[in-house]
Amino acid sequence: MREIHDGKEKTRAAIAKAGLITIRKILSMILSGLLAACLLFVLYLAVSSGNESKFYLGNYKLVCILSGSMEPAIGMGSLTIVKNVSPEELAVNDVITFKLIEGSETLVTHRIININSDGNSFITKGDGNNVPDSSPVYYDHVIGKVVLSIPLLGYIINFLKTPFGIVTFIALLILTGLIRRLIKVSKTTDR
């Protein structure tokens, strides 16, 4: 009778161990999928945005801040998320991103300090600047309103868009895979 009970215990232990191995495999597949998605996202950034420091994500634009004109509110190297909004929705003190001049791809992120009486332009100023911007921002130049700023992430994204950054990122992915394999081999030899 004791042998039957011990056999059941061993079977339960084997089932539990198999369950843990299955969970481990599922988690490994999820992690691999996330790493692959990150790699594809970084490659997308590098290819789609060329030399500019911006890219789209649905109704939002991600913009890397390259100057200190909005410090201390938005630091240099921050990544901002800019929501596409109608200019009529904007108000004084909103931080907006806009095209510097018509036809230009250069973007500026500054705060609205006044809405002009002409009804189609804003006066803006960088928080770190002493004077307002020299030209009004016309409604058709507005990209959107800054809804979130993530400090320092812009530096990382700009680095990952360089050839060296892409190679470094790929090398880290490969190194992560090798370390995972070594850990797996180490666990199987310990048994």
Protein backbone atom coordinates (compact mmCIF):
# COMPACT_ATOMS: atom_id res chain seq x y z
CA MET A 1 0.00 0.00 0.00
CA ARG A 2 2.85 2.35 0.86
CA GLU A 3 4.36 1.79 -2.61
CA ILE A 4 1.11 2.86 -4.32
CA HIS A 5 0.99 6.03 -2.21
CA ASP A 6 4.65 6.81 -3.03
CA GLY A 7 3.91 6.22 -6.72
CA LYS A 8 1.03 8.71 -6.61
CA GLU A 9 3.25 11.29 -4.92
CA LYS A 10 5.93 10.82 -7.56
CA THR A 11 3.30 11.19 -10.29
CA ARG A 12 1.99 14.40 -8.70
CA ALA A 13 5.53 15.74 -8.41
CA ALA A 14 6.22 14.90 -12.06
CA ILE A 15 2.99 16.63 -13.15
CA ALA A 16 3.86 19.70 -11.07
CA LYS A 17 7.37 19.76 -12.53
CA ALA A 18 5.98 19.43 -16.07
CA GLY A 19 3.59 22.29 -15.31
CA LEU A 20 6.47 24.52 -14.19
CA ILE A 21 8.44 23.65 -17.30
CA THR A 22 5.41 24.53 -19.45
CA ILE A 23 4.97 27.85 -17.64
CA ARG A 24 8.68 28.56 -18.06
CA LYS A 25 8.44 27.81 -21.80
CA ILE A 26 5.40 30.08 -22.17
CA LEU A 27 7.13 32.91 -20.31
CA SER A 28 10.23 32.40 -22.46
CA MET A 29 8.14 32.63 -25.63
CA ILE A 30 6.43 35.80 -24.38
CA LEU A 31 9.81 37.37 -23.51
CA SER A 32 11.22 36.41 -26.90
CA GLY A 33 8.16 37.92 -28.58
CA LEU A 34 8.55 41.15 -26.62
CA LEU A 35 12.24 41.37 -27.50
CA ALA A 36 11.44 40.78 -31.17
CA ALA A 37 8.72 43.45 -31.03
CA CYS A 38 11.21 45.89 -29.46
CA LEU A 39 13.71 45.14 -32.20
CA LEU A 40 11.12 45.72 -34.91
CA PHE A 41 10.00 48.95 -33.22
CA VAL A 42 13.57 50.26 -33.05
CA LEU A 43 14.17 49.34 -36.68
CA TYR A 44 10.91 51.08 -37.60
CA LEU A 45 12.10 54.21 -35.77
CA ALA A 46 15.46 54.15 -37.49
CA VAL A 47 14.05 53.69 -40.97
CA SER A 48 10.88 55.79 -40.80
CA SER A 49 12.17 58.91 -39.17
CA GLY A 50 15.41 59.42 -41.10
CA ASN A 51 17.38 62.31 -39.63
CA GLU A 52 14.37 63.84 -37.89
CA SER A 53 13.72 63.20 -34.21
CA LYS A 54 10.03 62.34 -34.47
CA PHE A 55 7.74 59.50 -35.47
CA TYR A 56 4.04 58.66 -35.43
CA LEU A 57 2.06 56.22 -33.34
CA GLY A 58 -1.60 56.43 -34.37
CA ASN A 59 -3.12 59.82 -33.44
CA TYR A 60 0.02 60.64 -31.47
CA LYS A 61 3.45 61.80 -32.47
CA LEU A 62 6.52 61.02 -30.42
CA VAL A 63 9.00 63.86 -30.46
CA CYS A 64 12.50 63.85 -28.98
CA ILE A 65 13.37 67.22 -27.45
CA LEU A 66 16.79 68.32 -28.70
CA SER A 67 17.18 71.67 -26.92
CA GLY A 68 16.77 73.11 -23.45
CA SER A 69 14.29 75.84 -24.41
CA MET A 70 11.48 74.23 -22.38
CA GLU A 71 13.50 73.52 -19.25
CA PRO A 72 12.72 72.96 -16.45
CA ALA A 73 9.24 71.72 -17.51
CA ILE A 74 10.59 69.53 -20.33
CA GLY A 75 14.27 68.74 -20.22
CA MET A 76 16.62 68.29 -23.13
CA GLY A 77 16.63 64.64 -24.20
CA SER A 78 13.03 64.05 -23.12
CA LEU A 79 10.59 62.12 -25.24
CA THR A 80 7.26 63.91 -25.58
CA ILE A 81 3.97 62.41 -26.64
CA VAL A 82 2.06 64.93 -28.72
CA LYS A 83 -1.66 64.42 -29.32
CA ASN A 84 -3.17 65.66 -32.56
CA VAL A 85 -5.77 68.25 -31.51
CA SER A 86 -7.59 71.01 -33.27
CA PRO A 87 -6.04 74.47 -32.65
CA GLU A 88 -9.40 75.68 -31.33
CA GLU A 89 -9.03 73.25 -28.40
CA LEU A 90 -5.78 74.88 -27.30
CA ALA A 91 -5.49 77.50 -24.57
CA VAL A 92 -2.90 79.77 -22.99
CA ASN A 93 -0.32 77.71 -21.00
CA ASP A 94 -0.75 74.61 -23.19
CA VAL A 95 2.55 73.22 -24.46
CA ILE A 96 2.36 72.58 -28.19
CA THR A 97 4.57 71.20 -30.93
CA PHE A 98 4.54 73.04 -34.23
CA LYS A 99 6.35 73.35 -37.54
CA LEU A 100 8.84 76.19 -37.41
CA ILE A 101 8.00 77.36 -40.93
CA GLU A 102 5.65 76.08 -43.64
CA GLY A 103 7.12 73.19 -45.57
CA SER A 104 9.82 72.60 -42.97
CA GLU A 105 10.15 69.35 -41.07
CA THR A 106 11.77 71.16 -38.12
CA LEU A 107 9.54 70.97 -35.07
CA VAL A 108 9.52 73.22 -32.01
CA THR A 109 7.86 72.53 -28.67
CA HIS A 110 6.93 75.70 -26.73
CA ARG A 111 4.19 77.03 -24.45
CA ILE A 112 1.30 79.20 -25.70
CA ILE A 113 1.48 82.56 -23.92
CA ASN A 114 -1.16 84.39 -25.97
CA ILE A 115 -3.85 83.72 -28.55
CA ASN A 116 -3.72 86.45 -31.20
CA SER A 117 -6.83 88.46 -31.93
CA ASP A 118 -6.58 87.50 -35.62
CA GLY A 119 -8.05 84.14 -34.56
CA ASN A 120 -5.58 82.01 -36.45
CA SER A 121 -2.27 82.20 -34.58
CA PHE A 122 -0.58 81.87 -31.21
CA ILE A 123 2.33 83.58 -29.52
CA THR A 124 4.63 80.99 -27.99
CA LYS A 125 7.67 81.01 -25.76
CA GLY A 126 10.05 78.40 -24.46
CA ASP A 127 9.99 78.25 -20.65
CA GLY A 128 13.77 78.54 -20.64
CA ASN A 129 13.82 81.52 -23.01
CA ASN A 130 13.74 85.16 -21.90
CA VAL A 131 11.60 86.45 -24.77
CA PRO A 132 8.64 85.15 -26.79
CA ASP A 133 9.25 83.53 -30.16
CA SER A 134 9.78 86.11 -32.91
CA SER A 135 7.08 84.75 -35.23
CA PRO A 136 3.49 83.78 -34.48
CA VAL A 137 2.51 80.12 -34.81
CA TYR A 138 -0.30 79.77 -37.32
CA TYR A 139 -2.98 77.19 -36.68
CA ASP A 140 -2.01 75.15 -39.74
CA HIS A 141 1.53 74.76 -38.36
CA VAL A 142 0.35 73.16 -35.10
CA ILE A 143 1.14 69.45 -34.81
CA GLY A 144 -0.56 68.98 -31.45
CA LYS A 145 -0.54 69.34 -27.70
CA VAL A 146 2.09 67.73 -25.48
CA VAL A 147 0.29 65.27 -23.21
CA LEU A 148 3.29 63.50 -21.66
CA SER A 149 7.01 64.02 -21.28
CA ILE A 150 9.39 61.22 -20.36
CA PRO A 151 12.80 62.54 -19.24
CA LEU A 152 15.93 61.18 -20.96
CA LEU A 153 14.10 58.62 -23.12
CA GLY A 154 14.66 60.81 -26.18
CA TYR A 155 18.42 60.37 -25.80
CA ILE A 156 18.00 56.60 -25.86
CA ILE A 157 15.73 56.66 -28.92
CA ASN A 158 18.03 59.03 -30.77
CA PHE A 159 20.97 56.74 -29.93
CA LEU A 160 19.07 53.67 -31.14
CA LYS A 161 18.42 55.42 -34.47
CA THR A 162 22.14 55.61 -35.21
CA PRO A 163 23.96 52.71 -36.91
CA PHE A 164 26.02 52.17 -33.75
CA GLY A 165 22.84 52.21 -31.65
CA ILE A 166 21.16 49.61 -33.83
CA VAL A 167 24.24 47.36 -33.70
CA THR A 168 24.43 47.80 -29.93
CA PHE A 169 20.75 46.95 -29.53
CA ILE A 170 21.07 43.83 -31.70
CA ALA A 171 24.22 42.80 -29.79
CA LEU A 172 22.32 43.16 -26.49
CA LEU A 173 19.50 40.98 -27.85
CA ILE A 174 21.98 38.32 -28.93
CA LEU A 175 23.81 38.53 -25.59
CA THR A 176 20.50 38.18 -23.74
CA GLY A 177 19.68 35.08 -25.80
CA LEU A 178 23.10 33.57 -25.10
CA ILE A 179 22.79 34.21 -21.38
CA ARG A 180 19.35 32.59 -21.37
CA ARG A 181 20.79 29.54 -23.16
CA LEU A 182 23.70 29.31 -20.69
CA ILE A 183 21.29 29.45 -17.76
CA LYS A 184 19.17 26.73 -19.36
CA VAL A 185 22.21 24.51 -19.98
CA SER A 186 23.43 25.17 -16.44
CA LYS A 187 20.07 24.09 -14.97
CA THR A 188 19.97 20.87 -17.01
CA THR A 189 23.54 19.89 -16.01
CA ASP A 190 22.77 20.53 -12.32
CA ARG A 191 20.13 17.79 -12.30
